[in-house]
Amino acid sequence: MSGMLSIYAFDELWNLANTVRYGLMALQHRGLQSYVVCSTGVDVECVEGSDIDVAKSASGHVAIASIHNYENEKTFTIQRSNEYSVAIVAERPWRRIDDFALDLVNVLKTSRNRVEAFTNALSNLQRDSEDVVPSLMVLTKDKEVFVWRSHNGFSPIALGSYGFDMAIAASESVAIDILGGDLKKFLRPGEGIYISRHMLKTFLVNQADAYNGLCLFEFLYLSRHDAIINNVSVYEFRKALGYDLGKYLDKEVDVVVGVPETALPYAIGFSSRVGKPFEVAFVATGGRRRSMLASNPFEKIVAIHLKMNPIRSSLEGKKVAIVDDSMVTGSTIKTVSQILRFRVGVREIHLFIASPPLIRSCPYNVMKLDMQNLLAANLSKELAKSYLEVDSLHWLSIEDVDRVARMFGLRFCGRCLGVNVIGGEEK
């Protein structure tokens, strides 16, 4: 997964270096492998690096940027042809990004109707390709920006403004908030926006029956608690799932805790349902690390330990209900259970997962889920319980998530759970 950001300051005196930096900081939880920043001076230029300081390259008043977690896979490109150029960042790897960039250069350098040129290039490519085209942000040599949300709609794109000075588009509303802007709308699947010095225009690239629903991981794990997606609070949705999860408690427990930090709202909702106190059980060390996004096993274990130093006084000698948002390989929970048993001395551990078992890899490469490593796809519930070293194990069912999703007016892709769609129509 990745985070994308575009900023267009209408006054050419703006220098966006710090603005891009702060916007990317708000999206750091979505990647942490690599940053890409594209801006225009004499020509379009892109800088890629593992440090957020690449934002210093955005010295002009227009920029697009991304932060991603894909290693050795192409998520951005620059294409130059006969003194015209474009830069493109994509929400996930796309093997035809260079083909599209070349086609786009050729149509834009001769076309007066910029939106029509973009939509024609996109429509032509989709007719000729079996690929699912990802969401895109495009920057041209003429200091124009195109932001387009993919027809499949896996990831949201929020649009906002900083007064009348700046237009902002981002993968999460929090980037707009952090920059002091106001959230205006969310792009619909297939909808785009064109921004130039004197124009801001929305457009739609029609493609019937392409919408698969949001990736469930946006609400389960990836987005920040303070994010708004399609006018729904991520925090409230997570609490609602946690509350529903509480109905599966069939043992006596003393306290409820959440796995930091994504699972804390689930644990709060769970606690209110079962009437047991919610306790802060772990304290993080250093910067924020998303252990599930780490590709290196050693880095994953380090990330887990850095965010999970236990508060012994809240747990020692107690029966603990521990709540997590999802379970992929089980490595996080296994480490947590060992910490609780051998370093803290809890009496019992009862594990509750606020999502259904993951049993398929993602066919769209939105989330990197390897079938060979998916715990629920390879172990029975009893074997999983033994491997995780917990006293009981419970998942929410697909029906549970479907009910809550419909309550919030949300629709999700459920391919990794073994179904096509969860929930109803998108708001």
Protein backbone atom coordinates (compact mmCIF):
# COMPACT_ATOMS: atom_id res chain seq x y z
CA MET A 1 0.00 0.00 0.00
CA SER A 2 1.08 3.59 -0.33
CA GLY A 3 0.09 7.14 0.45
CA MET A 4 -0.20 9.82 -2.24
CA LEU A 5 -0.19 13.60 -1.92
CA SER A 6 -0.57 16.48 -4.35
CA ILE A 7 -0.38 20.17 -3.51
CA TYR A 8 -1.09 23.07 -5.86
CA ALA A 9 -0.38 26.57 -4.56
CA PHE A 10 -2.00 29.13 -6.86
CA ASP A 11 0.52 31.86 -5.98
CA GLU A 12 3.80 31.09 -7.74
CA LEU A 13 5.75 32.62 -4.85
CA TRP A 14 5.01 29.57 -2.66
CA ASN A 15 7.85 27.21 -1.79
CA LEU A 16 6.27 23.85 -0.94
CA ALA A 17 9.30 22.06 0.53
CA ASN A 18 8.10 22.19 4.16
CA THR A 19 4.45 21.77 3.19
CA VAL A 20 5.18 18.56 1.29
CA ARG A 21 7.32 17.34 4.18
CA TYR A 22 4.53 17.80 6.73
CA GLY A 23 1.98 16.23 4.39
CA LEU A 24 4.17 13.16 3.96
CA MET A 25 4.71 12.97 7.72
CA ALA A 26 0.93 12.62 8.07
CA LEU A 27 1.05 9.64 5.69
CA GLN A 28 4.17 7.91 7.03
CA HIS A 29 2.15 5.04 8.52
CA ARG A 30 1.24 3.96 4.97
CA GLY A 31 4.76 3.12 3.80
CA LEU A 32 8.17 3.92 5.27
CA GLN A 33 10.18 2.12 2.58
CA SER A 34 10.57 4.93 0.06
CA TYR A 35 9.52 8.53 -0.60
CA VAL A 36 8.99 10.04 -4.05
CA VAL A 37 8.61 13.81 -4.60
CA CYS A 38 7.98 15.32 -8.06
CA SER A 39 7.93 19.06 -8.74
CA THR A 40 8.40 21.51 -11.60
CA GLY A 41 11.09 24.10 -12.18
CA VAL A 42 12.43 24.41 -15.69
CA ASP A 43 11.16 20.86 -16.19
CA VAL A 44 9.46 18.09 -14.23
CA GLU A 45 11.84 16.36 -11.83
CA CYS A 46 11.36 13.50 -9.35
CA VAL A 47 13.53 12.57 -6.38
CA GLU A 48 13.27 9.21 -4.62
CA GLY A 49 14.84 8.25 -1.31
CA SER A 50 14.44 6.48 2.00
CA ASP A 51 14.50 9.75 3.97
CA ILE A 52 11.70 12.29 4.19
CA ASP A 53 14.25 15.00 3.44
CA VAL A 54 13.62 14.35 -0.26
CA ALA A 55 10.76 16.82 0.29
CA LYS A 56 13.38 19.58 0.08
CA SER A 57 13.36 19.07 -3.68
CA ALA A 58 9.81 20.49 -3.88
CA SER A 59 11.03 24.08 -4.16
CA GLY A 60 8.27 25.29 -6.47
CA HIS A 61 4.54 25.90 -6.00
CA VAL A 62 3.25 22.59 -7.46
CA ALA A 63 4.17 19.06 -6.35
CA ILE A 64 3.00 15.45 -6.25
CA ALA A 65 4.48 12.91 -3.85
CA SER A 66 4.07 9.41 -2.50
CA ILE A 67 5.29 7.15 0.24
CA HIS A 68 5.18 3.43 -0.43
CA ASN A 69 6.14 0.04 0.89
CA TYR A 70 6.91 -1.70 -2.42
CA GLU A 71 10.48 -2.89 -2.93
CA ASN A 72 11.86 -3.26 -6.46
CA GLU A 73 8.46 -2.53 -8.01
CA LYS A 74 7.62 0.51 -10.11
CA THR A 75 5.21 3.02 -8.59
CA PHE A 76 6.35 6.24 -10.35
CA THR A 77 7.84 7.39 -13.65
CA ILE A 78 8.96 10.43 -15.64
CA GLN A 79 8.41 10.45 -19.38
CA ARG A 80 9.96 13.00 -21.73
CA SER A 81 9.28 13.34 -25.43
CA ASN A 82 10.15 16.21 -27.78
CA GLU A 83 10.67 18.72 -24.98
CA TYR A 84 7.45 17.82 -23.16
CA SER A 85 7.33 15.79 -19.95
CA VAL A 86 5.08 14.34 -17.28
CA ALA A 87 5.65 12.66 -13.92
CA ILE A 88 3.25 10.04 -12.55
CA VAL A 89 2.93 8.44 -9.11
CA ALA A 90 0.63 5.44 -8.61
CA GLU A 91 -0.97 3.99 -5.48
CA ARG A 92 0.57 0.57 -6.15
CA PRO A 93 2.95 -1.03 -8.67
CA TRP A 94 1.72 -0.89 -12.24
CA ARG A 95 3.61 -2.61 -15.07
CA ARG A 96 2.14 -0.31 -17.74
CA ILE A 97 2.90 3.00 -16.07
CA ASP A 98 5.59 3.85 -18.65
CA ASP A 99 3.25 3.02 -21.56
CA PHE A 100 0.58 5.29 -20.13
CA ALA A 101 3.08 8.09 -19.45
CA LEU A 102 4.36 8.00 -23.04
CA ASP A 103 0.82 8.01 -24.44
CA LEU A 104 -0.12 10.88 -22.12
CA VAL A 105 2.89 12.95 -23.19
CA ASN A 106 1.98 12.53 -26.83
CA VAL A 107 -1.65 13.60 -26.40
CA LEU A 108 -1.01 16.47 -23.97
CA LYS A 109 1.68 18.21 -25.98
CA THR A 110 -0.75 18.81 -28.87
CA SER A 111 -4.15 18.99 -27.14
CA ARG A 112 -5.92 22.14 -25.97
CA ASN A 113 -8.58 20.19 -24.06
CA ARG A 114 -6.43 18.80 -21.27
CA VAL A 115 -9.12 16.82 -19.45
CA GLU A 116 -10.32 15.17 -22.65
CA ALA A 117 -6.75 14.24 -23.53
CA PHE A 118 -6.20 12.61 -20.12
CA THR A 119 -9.49 10.69 -20.16
CA ASN A 120 -8.91 9.47 -23.72
CA ALA A 121 -5.41 8.23 -22.89
CA LEU A 122 -6.74 6.45 -19.81
CA SER A 123 -9.73 4.94 -21.61
CA ASN A 124 -7.57 3.71 -24.50
CA LEU A 125 -5.15 2.03 -22.13
CA GLN A 126 -7.91 0.30 -20.16
CA ARG A 127 -9.45 -1.12 -23.32
CA ASP A 128 -6.10 -2.57 -24.35
CA SER A 129 -5.03 -3.93 -20.96
CA GLU A 130 -6.21 -6.56 -18.53
CA ASP A 131 -4.48 -4.68 -15.69
CA VAL A 132 -6.50 -3.00 -12.98
CA VAL A 133 -5.33 0.60 -13.38
CA PRO A 134 -4.41 2.09 -9.98
CA SER A 135 -5.23 5.55 -8.70
CA LEU A 136 -2.85 8.12 -10.17
CA MET A 137 -1.42 11.58 -9.61
CA VAL A 138 0.14 13.30 -12.63
CA LEU A 139 2.28 16.45 -12.87
CA THR A 140 2.98 18.03 -16.26
CA LYS A 141 5.70 20.38 -17.48
CA ASP A 142 2.99 23.04 -17.85
CA LYS A 143 2.45 22.90 -14.07
CA GLU A 144 -0.85 21.06 -14.26
CA VAL A 145 -1.99 18.31 -11.90
CA PHE A 146 -4.34 15.39 -12.60
CA VAL A 147 -5.60 13.36 -9.64
CA TRP A 148 -7.65 10.28 -10.50
CA ARG A 149 -9.22 7.61 -8.32
CA SER A 150 -9.20 4.14 -9.83
CA HIS A 151 -12.48 2.59 -10.98
CA ASN A 152 -12.01 -0.30 -8.57
CA GLY A 153 -11.97 2.17 -5.69
CA PHE A 154 -9.71 0.18 -3.34
CA SER A 155 -8.18 3.31 -1.83
CA PRO A 156 -9.85 6.65 -1.05
CA ILE A 157 -8.69 10.06 -2.23
CA ALA A 158 -9.66 13.12 -0.20
CA LEU A 159 -9.76 16.65 -1.61
CA GLY A 160 -9.25 19.78 0.42
CA SER A 161 -8.15 23.39 0.31
CA TYR A 162 -6.05 25.81 2.31
CA GLY A 163 -8.27 28.87 1.97
CA PHE A 164 -8.10 30.11 -1.60
CA ASP A 165 -4.33 29.64 -1.69
CA MET A 166 -3.90 25.92 -2.14
CA ALA A 167 -5.61 22.75 -3.40
CA ILE A 168 -4.64 19.52 -1.63
CA ALA A 169 -5.37 15.91 -2.56
CA ALA A 170 -4.28 12.98 -0.41
CA SER A 171 -4.86 9.31 0.31
CA GLU A 172 -6.11 10.25 3.78
CA SER A 173 -7.96 13.24 5.15
CA VAL A 174 -5.38 13.57 7.94
CA ALA A 175 -2.81 15.06 5.51
CA ILE A 176 -5.27 17.88 4.77
CA ASP A 177 -5.91 18.34 8.50
CA ILE A 178 -2.20 18.48 9.37
CA LEU A 179 -1.62 21.14 6.72
CA GLY A 180 -4.36 23.29 8.22
CA GLY A 181 -6.71 22.74 5.29
CA ASP A 182 -10.42 22.03 5.07
CA LEU A 183 -11.77 18.73 3.75
CA LYS A 184 -14.09 19.33 0.79
CA LYS A 185 -15.00 15.96 -0.70
CA PHE A 186 -13.93 12.42 -1.56
CA LEU A 187 -13.45 11.35 -5.14
CA ARG A 188 -15.84 8.67 -6.34
CA PRO A 189 -14.44 5.60 -8.13
CA GLY A 190 -13.46 6.71 -11.64
CA GLU A 191 -13.59 10.41 -10.72
CA GLY A 192 -10.68 12.78 -11.21
CA ILE A 193 -9.73 16.41 -10.75
CA TYR A 194 -7.71 18.68 -13.04
CA ILE A 195 -5.87 21.65 -11.53
CA SER A 196 -4.04 24.43 -13.35
CA ARG A 197 -3.14 28.04 -12.60
CA HIS A 198 -6.61 29.23 -13.60
CA MET A 199 -8.84 26.14 -13.40
CA LEU A 200 -9.99 23.41 -11.05
CA LYS A 201 -12.31 20.91 -12.70
CA THR A 202 -13.67 17.47 -11.80
CA PHE A 203 -14.23 14.80 -14.43
CA LEU A 204 -15.38 11.18 -14.67
CA VAL A 205 -13.88 8.32 -16.68
CA ASN A 206 -16.77 5.93 -17.16
CA GLN A 207 -16.30 2.20 -16.79
CA ALA A 208 -19.31 0.10 -15.83
CA ASP A 209 -19.22 -2.55 -13.09
CA ALA A 210 -15.60 -1.90 -12.11
CA TYR A 211 -16.11 -0.86 -8.49
CA ASN A 212 -14.99 -3.61 -6.11
CA GLY A 213 -15.30 -1.66 -2.87
CA LEU A 214 -12.74 -0.13 -0.57
CA CYS A 215 -9.92 -2.35 0.63
CA LEU A 216 -11.09 -3.48 4.07
CA PHE A 217 -7.58 -2.90 5.41
CA GLU A 218 -8.09 0.87 4.98
CA PHE A 219 -10.56 0.75 7.87
CA LEU A 220 -9.11 -2.21 9.75
CA TYR A 221 -5.46 -1.26 9.89
CA LEU A 222 -3.93 1.17 7.42
CA SER A 223 -5.67 4.49 8.07
CA ARG A 224 -5.05 6.59 11.15
CA HIS A 225 -7.68 6.68 13.91
CA ASP A 226 -8.35 10.36 13.16
CA ALA A 227 -9.01 9.77 9.46
CA ILE A 228 -12.36 10.31 7.76
CA ILE A 229 -13.12 8.11 4.74
CA ASN A 230 -16.22 8.72 2.64
CA ASN A 231 -17.57 10.83 5.52
CA VAL A 232 -17.19 7.93 7.99
CA SER A 233 -14.98 8.19 11.07
CA VAL A 234 -12.37 5.40 11.06
CA TYR A 235 -12.28 5.59 14.87
CA GLU A 236 -16.04 5.09 15.27
CA PHE A 237 -16.06 2.21 12.76
CA ARG A 238 -13.28 0.45 14.67
CA LYS A 239 -15.07 0.93 17.98
CA ALA A 240 -18.25 -0.52 16.47
CA LEU A 241 -16.40 -3.65 15.30
CA GLY A 242 -14.84 -4.00 18.76
CA TYR A 243 -18.24 -3.69 20.40
CA ASP A 244 -19.61 -6.44 18.16
CA LEU A 245 -16.58 -8.60 18.93
CA GLY A 246 -17.43 -8.47 22.64
CA LYS A 247 -20.33 -10.89 22.14
CA TYR A 248 -17.78 -13.72 21.70
CA LEU A 249 -16.39 -13.41 25.23
CA ASP A 250 -17.23 -16.70 26.97
CA LYS A 251 -14.56 -16.70 29.71
CA GLU A 252 -14.03 -14.62 32.82
CA VAL A 253 -11.41 -11.88 32.31
CA ASP A 254 -10.07 -9.09 34.50
CA VAL A 255 -8.97 -6.52 31.93
CA VAL A 256 -9.22 -5.68 28.21
CA VAL A 257 -6.15 -4.47 26.29
CA GLY A 258 -5.45 -3.62 22.67
CA VAL A 259 -2.38 -4.31 20.56
CA PRO A 260 -0.76 -0.89 19.90
CA GLU A 261 -1.72 1.16 18.33
CA THR A 262 -4.23 0.31 15.63
CA ALA A 263 -6.28 -2.02 17.85
CA LEU A 264 -6.93 0.43 20.70
CA PRO A 265 -10.36 1.64 19.44
CA TYR A 266 -11.45 -1.99 18.97
CA ALA A 267 -10.45 -2.74 22.56
CA ILE A 268 -12.37 0.32 23.81
CA GLY A 269 -15.52 -0.87 22.01
CA PHE A 270 -14.98 -4.42 23.28
CA SER A 271 -14.55 -3.16 26.86
CA SER A 272 -17.80 -1.19 26.76
CA ARG A 273 -19.68 -4.30 25.54
CA VAL A 274 -18.33 -6.74 28.16
CA GLY A 275 -18.18 -4.33 31.12
CA LYS A 276 -14.52 -4.99 31.92
CA PRO A 277 -11.94 -2.21 32.34
CA PHE A 278 -9.80 -1.15 29.40
CA GLU A 279 -6.13 -0.83 30.37
CA VAL A 280 -3.15 0.67 28.59
CA ALA A 281 -0.81 -2.33 28.46
CA PHE A 282 2.12 -1.27 26.29
CA VAL A 283 4.27 1.81 25.68
CA ALA A 284 6.06 2.47 22.38
CA THR A 285 9.71 3.44 22.06
CA GLY A 286 10.95 5.78 19.33
CA GLY A 287 9.06 6.68 16.19
CA ARG A 288 5.94 5.02 14.88
CA ARG A 289 6.58 1.66 13.22
CA ARG A 290 4.00 -0.44 11.36
CA SER A 291 5.14 -4.00 12.01
CA MET A 292 2.78 -5.58 9.48
CA LEU A 293 4.31 -3.50 6.67
CA ALA A 294 7.87 -4.59 7.45
CA SER A 295 9.18 -7.03 4.82
CA ASN A 296 12.34 -8.11 6.65
CA PRO A 297 11.58 -10.65 9.45
CA PHE A 298 14.23 -9.17 11.78
CA GLU A 299 12.91 -5.62 11.24
CA LYS A 300 9.41 -6.91 11.94
CA ILE A 301 10.39 -8.39 15.32
CA VAL A 302 12.33 -5.22 16.23
CA ALA A 303 9.29 -3.10 15.32
CA ILE A 304 7.05 -5.27 17.52
CA HIS A 305 9.34 -4.99 20.55
CA LEU A 306 9.83 -1.24 20.09
CA LYS A 307 6.11 -0.56 20.25
CA MET A 308 5.27 -3.08 22.98
CA ASN A 309 7.13 -2.53 26.21
CA PRO A 310 4.61 -3.81 28.81
CA ILE A 311 3.19 -1.94 31.80
CA ARG A 312 3.46 -4.76 34.31
CA SER A 313 1.25 -3.24 37.01
CA SER A 314 -1.81 -3.27 34.72
CA LEU A 315 -1.41 -6.94 33.73
CA GLU A 316 0.52 -9.02 36.23
CA GLY A 317 -1.40 -12.02 37.58
CA LYS A 318 -4.55 -11.15 35.60
CA LYS A 319 -6.75 -12.85 33.05
CA VAL A 320 -6.42 -10.72 29.93
CA ALA A 321 -8.65 -10.25 26.90
CA ILE A 322 -6.35 -8.94 24.18
CA VAL A 323 -7.87 -7.40 21.06
CA ASP A 324 -6.17 -6.95 17.68
CA ASP A 325 -7.45 -5.54 14.39
CA SER A 326 -6.37 -8.42 12.14
CA MET A 327 -3.96 -11.34 11.97
CA VAL A 328 -1.78 -12.09 8.97
CA THR A 329 1.15 -14.33 9.92
CA GLY A 330 0.51 -14.32 13.67
CA SER A 331 4.06 -13.19 14.47
CA THR A 332 2.92 -10.05 16.30
CA ILE A 333 0.43 -11.87 18.52
CA LYS A 334 2.85 -14.73 19.24
CA THR A 335 5.45 -12.20 20.38
CA VAL A 336 2.84 -10.38 22.49
CA SER A 337 1.65 -13.57 24.16
CA GLN A 338 5.22 -14.54 25.04
CA ILE A 339 5.87 -11.08 26.48
CA LEU A 340 2.71 -11.28 28.58
CA ARG A 341 3.35 -14.81 29.87
CA PHE A 342 7.10 -14.80 30.46
CA ARG A 343 7.96 -11.16 31.14
CA VAL A 344 4.78 -9.98 32.84
CA GLY A 345 3.22 -13.14 34.31
CA VAL A 346 -0.41 -12.95 33.21
CA ARG A 347 -2.63 -15.87 34.21
CA GLU A 348 -4.64 -16.31 30.99
CA ILE A 349 -4.66 -14.79 27.50
CA HIS A 350 -7.88 -14.71 25.48
CA LEU A 351 -7.36 -13.38 21.96
CA PHE A 352 -10.04 -11.56 19.93
CA ILE A 353 -9.49 -10.52 16.30
CA ALA A 354 -11.76 -7.74 15.00
CA SER A 355 -11.89 -9.12 11.44
CA PRO A 356 -12.51 -12.50 9.76
CA PRO A 357 -9.65 -14.94 9.05
CA LEU A 358 -7.44 -14.02 6.08
CA ILE A 359 -7.41 -17.04 3.79
CA ARG A 360 -6.42 -15.68 0.35
CA SER A 361 -3.66 -13.52 -1.08
CA CYS A 362 -4.74 -10.16 -2.50
CA PRO A 363 -5.38 -10.60 -6.26
CA TYR A 364 -4.85 -6.87 -6.84
CA ASN A 365 -1.53 -6.47 -5.00
CA VAL A 366 -3.07 -3.84 -2.73
CA MET A 367 -1.80 -5.66 0.36
CA LYS A 368 1.12 -8.09 0.27
CA LEU A 369 -0.48 -11.29 1.60
CA ASP A 370 1.46 -14.47 0.85
CA MET A 371 -0.75 -17.58 1.03
CA GLN A 372 2.11 -19.63 2.43
CA ASN A 373 2.43 -17.28 5.40
CA LEU A 374 -1.24 -16.62 6.19
CA LEU A 375 -1.86 -18.26 9.55
CA ALA A 376 -5.60 -18.78 9.10
CA ALA A 377 -5.12 -20.29 5.64
CA ASN A 378 -2.72 -22.94 6.88
CA LEU A 379 -3.70 -23.81 10.45
CA SER A 380 -6.94 -24.94 12.06
CA LYS A 381 -8.31 -22.80 14.89
CA GLU A 382 -6.98 -25.24 17.50
CA LEU A 383 -3.51 -25.38 15.93
CA ALA A 384 -3.48 -21.58 15.61
CA LYS A 385 -4.35 -21.27 19.30
CA SER A 386 -1.46 -23.56 20.24
CA TYR A 387 1.00 -21.77 17.95
CA LEU A 388 0.01 -18.37 19.34
CA GLU A 389 0.22 -19.65 22.93
CA VAL A 390 -3.19 -18.26 23.90
CA ASP A 391 -5.97 -19.83 25.98
CA SER A 392 -8.76 -19.03 23.52
CA LEU A 393 -9.08 -17.50 20.06
CA HIS A 394 -12.02 -15.72 18.41
CA TRP A 395 -12.47 -13.93 15.07
CA LEU A 396 -15.33 -11.74 13.89
CA SER A 397 -17.31 -13.46 11.14
CA ILE A 398 -17.83 -12.09 7.63
CA GLU A 399 -21.50 -11.65 8.57
CA ASP A 400 -20.50 -9.51 11.55
CA VAL A 401 -18.35 -7.20 9.44
CA ASP A 402 -21.01 -7.06 6.72
CA ARG A 403 -23.61 -5.92 9.24
CA VAL A 404 -21.39 -3.18 10.68
CA ALA A 405 -20.31 -2.07 7.18
CA ARG A 406 -23.94 -1.68 6.13
CA MET A 407 -24.67 0.27 9.30
CA PHE A 408 -22.04 2.81 8.20
CA GLY A 409 -23.01 2.67 4.52
CA LEU A 410 -19.70 1.14 3.44
CA ARG A 411 -18.77 -1.43 0.82
CA PHE A 412 -15.53 -3.43 0.97
CA CYS A 413 -13.64 -5.81 -1.27
CA GLY A 414 -13.53 -9.17 0.53
CA ARG A 415 -11.37 -11.28 -1.81
CA CYS A 416 -8.71 -11.97 0.86
CA LEU A 417 -11.51 -13.27 3.11
CA GLY A 418 -12.94 -15.59 0.47
CA VAL A 419 -15.91 -13.43 -0.65
CA ASN A 420 -16.27 -10.79 -3.36
CA VAL A 421 -17.97 -7.95 -1.50
CA ILE A 422 -18.74 -7.03 2.11
CA GLY A 423 -21.32 -4.38 2.95
CA GLY A 424 -23.53 -2.29 0.71
CA GLU A 425 -23.16 0.64 -1.67
CA GLU A 426 -20.55 3.32 -1.15
CA LYS A 427 -21.77 6.57 0.41
